[in-house]
Amino acid sequence: MKQAVWIGMFVGSTIGSLVPNMWGASVFSLSSLLFGAAGGILGIYIAFKMTRP
């Protein structure tokens, strides 16, 4: 379960950080940081829900 949560966090934050690139924002912008944090939290939540019995 722990490994799935780490993978969910990594994948979610990576995808979330790349979303602002679709409208031309930099990877180092504030919106990229916020979307990365939100994606990480969402990835953790999804991984946690998928691994529960």
C-alpha atoms as a PDB file:
ATOM      1  CA  MET A   1       0.000   0.000   0.000  1.00  0.00           C
ATOM      2  CA  LYS A   2       2.816   2.389   0.845  1.00  0.00           C
ATOM      3  CA  GLN A   3       4.422   1.937  -2.551  1.00  0.00           C
ATOM      4  CA  ALA A   4       1.146   2.610  -4.370  1.00  0.00           C
ATOM      5  CA  VAL A   5       0.672   5.856  -2.451  1.00  0.00           C
ATOM      6  CA  TRP A   6       4.187   7.016  -3.397  1.00  0.00           C
ATOM      7  CA  ILE A   7       3.576   6.142  -7.037  1.00  0.00           C
ATOM      8  CA  GLY A   8       0.235   7.965  -6.953  1.00  0.00           C
ATOM      9  CA  MET A   9       1.889  11.032  -5.478  1.00  0.00           C
ATOM     10  CA  PHE A  10       4.677  11.005  -8.056  1.00  0.00           C
ATOM     11  CA  VAL A  11       2.411  10.493 -11.066  1.00  0.00           C
ATOM     12  CA  GLY A  12      -0.223  12.946  -9.833  1.00  0.00           C
ATOM     13  CA  SER A  13       2.234  15.721  -9.098  1.00  0.00           C
ATOM     14  CA  THR A  14       4.024  15.220 -12.406  1.00  0.00           C
ATOM     15  CA  ILE A  15       0.814  15.393 -14.422  1.00  0.00           C
ATOM     16  CA  GLY A  16      -0.454  18.301 -12.337  1.00  0.00           C
ATOM     17  CA  SER A  17       2.744  20.262 -12.899  1.00  0.00           C
ATOM     18  CA  LEU A  18       2.541  19.790 -16.653  1.00  0.00           C
ATOM     19  CA  VAL A  19      -1.101  20.925 -16.989  1.00  0.00           C
ATOM     20  CA  PRO A  20      -0.284  24.681 -17.057  1.00  0.00           C
ATOM     21  CA  ASN A  21       1.931  24.073 -20.101  1.00  0.00           C
ATOM     22  CA  MET A  22      -1.251  23.596 -22.115  1.00  0.00           C
ATOM     23  CA  TRP A  23      -2.016  27.318 -21.859  1.00  0.00           C
ATOM     24  CA  GLY A  24       1.598  28.457 -22.183  1.00  0.00           C
ATOM     25  CA  ALA A  25       2.635  28.833 -18.540  1.00  0.00           C
ATOM     26  CA  SER A  26       6.135  27.879 -17.505  1.00  0.00           C
ATOM     27  CA  VAL A  27       6.967  24.733 -15.572  1.00  0.00           C
ATOM     28  CA  PHE A  28       8.422  27.020 -12.889  1.00  0.00           C
ATOM     29  CA  SER A  29       5.302  29.193 -12.508  1.00  0.00           C
ATOM     30  CA  LEU A  30       3.097  29.494  -9.449  1.00  0.00           C
ATOM     31  CA  SER A  31       0.213  27.796 -11.239  1.00  0.00           C
ATOM     32  CA  SER A  32       2.449  24.815 -11.998  1.00  0.00           C
ATOM     33  CA  LEU A  33       3.367  24.572  -8.324  1.00  0.00           C
ATOM     34  CA  LEU A  34      -0.272  24.718  -7.240  1.00  0.00           C
ATOM     35  CA  PHE A  35      -1.434  22.207  -9.838  1.00  0.00           C
ATOM     36  CA  GLY A  36       1.459  19.930  -8.886  1.00  0.00           C
ATOM     37  CA  ALA A  37       0.429  20.001  -5.227  1.00  0.00           C
ATOM     38  CA  ALA A  38      -3.212  19.381  -6.117  1.00  0.00           C
ATOM     39  CA  GLY A  39      -2.233  16.534  -8.441  1.00  0.00           C
ATOM     40  CA  GLY A  40      -0.085  14.960  -5.747  1.00  0.00           C
ATOM     41  CA  ILE A  41      -2.900  15.067  -3.220  1.00  0.00           C
ATOM     42  CA  LEU A  42      -5.340  13.666  -5.769  1.00  0.00           C
ATOM     43  CA  GLY A  43      -2.870  10.905  -6.679  1.00  0.00           C
ATOM     44  CA  ILE A  44      -2.454   9.953  -3.025  1.00  0.00           C
ATOM     45  CA  TYR A  45      -6.222   9.868  -2.550  1.00  0.00           C
ATOM     46  CA  ILE A  46      -6.802   7.682  -5.625  1.00  0.00           C
ATOM     47  CA  ALA A  47      -3.969   5.291  -4.716  1.00  0.00           C
ATOM     48  CA  PHE A  48      -5.265   5.020  -1.144  1.00  0.00           C
ATOM     49  CA  LYS A  49      -8.805   4.265  -2.313  1.00  0.00           C
ATOM     50  CA  MET A  50      -7.589   1.664  -4.834  1.00  0.00           C
ATOM     51  CA  THR A  51      -5.506  -0.248  -2.300  1.00  0.00           C
ATOM     52  CA  ARG A  52      -8.128  -0.475   0.442  1.00  0.00           C
ATOM     53  CA  PRO A  53      -9.948  -3.808   0.634  1.00  0.00           C
END
